[in-house]
Amino acid sequence: MSIDDERDRDSDESRNIRPERQAEIFAALADPLRVRFVRELADNGECSGKTLASRLGISLALLSHHSKILVASGLVRKRKAGQTTY
């Protein structure tokens, strides 16, 4: 497969997403902090909320606010183990 073939496939896949769904995704990523949030998870995998807040240099309250938006959009998932949220 060439790079062009890969680009065509990616382009076809993005066209299969409903415009309403694309708008939800774009809205969730409209804040630079949420983009950093998603990148951090993509680069480093699952981590606790406390760890993620520390890496992003924000409070847990602010992390909670942004995580609710990203979870509602379906871009990230969260789980709880005891008192810790991942």
Protein backbone atom coordinates (compact mmCIF):
# COMPACT_ATOMS: atom_id res chain seq x y z
CA MET A 1 0.00 0.00 0.00
CA SER A 2 1.35 3.40 -0.90
CA ILE A 3 0.99 6.60 1.06
CA ASP A 4 -1.56 7.82 -1.50
CA ASP A 5 -3.61 4.63 -1.02
CA GLU A 6 -3.54 5.18 2.72
CA ARG A 7 -4.64 8.81 2.31
CA ASP A 8 -7.51 7.74 0.05
CA ARG A 9 -8.64 5.12 2.58
CA ASP A 10 -8.50 7.63 5.45
CA SER A 11 -10.41 10.14 3.36
CA ASP A 12 -13.09 7.55 2.53
CA GLU A 13 -13.46 6.65 6.21
CA SER A 14 -13.91 10.28 7.25
CA ARG A 15 -16.60 10.72 4.61
CA ASN A 16 -18.57 7.87 6.21
CA ILE A 17 -18.96 9.86 9.42
CA ARG A 18 -22.22 11.79 9.54
CA PRO A 19 -21.77 15.57 9.43
CA GLU A 20 -23.55 15.86 12.79
CA ARG A 21 -21.04 13.45 14.34
CA GLN A 22 -18.15 15.36 12.80
CA ALA A 23 -19.54 18.58 14.30
CA GLU A 24 -19.68 16.91 17.75
CA ILE A 25 -16.05 15.85 17.43
CA PHE A 26 -14.93 19.26 16.21
CA ALA A 27 -16.82 20.97 19.06
CA ALA A 28 -15.18 18.69 21.62
CA LEU A 29 -11.76 19.54 20.19
CA ALA A 30 -12.47 23.27 19.84
CA ASP A 31 -10.50 24.00 23.02
CA PRO A 32 -6.69 23.78 22.84
CA LEU A 33 -6.57 22.20 26.31
CA ARG A 34 -8.84 19.37 25.18
CA VAL A 35 -6.58 18.80 22.17
CA ARG A 36 -3.61 18.57 24.54
CA PHE A 37 -5.67 16.21 26.74
CA VAL A 38 -6.37 13.84 23.84
CA ARG A 39 -2.78 14.01 22.60
CA GLU A 40 -1.44 13.19 26.06
CA LEU A 41 -3.64 10.10 26.23
CA ALA A 42 -2.81 9.09 22.66
CA ASP A 43 0.92 9.43 23.30
CA ASN A 44 1.08 7.86 26.77
CA GLY A 45 -2.03 5.71 27.18
CA GLU A 46 -4.33 5.48 30.15
CA CYS A 47 -3.43 7.33 33.34
CA SER A 48 -5.16 8.55 36.46
CA GLY A 49 -6.94 11.87 36.49
CA LYS A 50 -4.45 13.18 39.03
CA THR A 51 -1.51 12.23 36.81
CA LEU A 52 -3.14 13.70 33.72
CA ALA A 53 -3.98 16.97 35.50
CA SER A 54 -0.37 17.21 36.66
CA ARG A 55 0.99 16.57 33.16
CA LEU A 56 -1.33 19.23 31.72
CA GLY A 57 -0.59 21.68 34.54
CA ILE A 58 -4.25 22.11 35.51
CA SER A 59 -6.45 21.47 38.55
CA LEU A 60 -8.50 18.31 38.98
CA ALA A 61 -11.65 20.44 38.80
CA LEU A 62 -10.66 21.80 35.39
CA LEU A 63 -9.67 18.30 34.23
CA SER A 64 -13.10 17.05 35.32
CA HIS A 65 -14.84 19.79 33.33
CA HIS A 66 -12.94 19.00 30.14
CA SER A 67 -13.13 15.23 30.59
CA LYS A 68 -16.94 15.40 30.77
CA ILE A 69 -17.01 17.05 27.35
CA LEU A 70 -14.58 14.54 25.83
CA VAL A 71 -16.41 11.56 27.34
CA ALA A 72 -19.78 12.88 26.14
CA SER A 73 -18.34 13.22 22.64
CA GLY A 74 -17.08 9.62 22.72
CA LEU A 75 -13.47 10.65 22.12
CA VAL A 76 -12.25 9.31 25.48
CA ARG A 77 -13.50 6.81 28.02
CA LYS A 78 -13.08 6.86 31.75
CA ARG A 79 -13.26 4.16 34.34
CA LYS A 80 -13.13 4.10 38.09
CA ALA A 81 -11.09 1.70 40.21
CA GLY A 82 -11.70 2.34 43.89
CA GLN A 83 -11.24 6.05 44.50
CA THR A 84 -9.17 6.58 41.34
CA THR A 85 -10.55 7.57 37.96
CA TYR A 86 -8.61 6.61 34.85
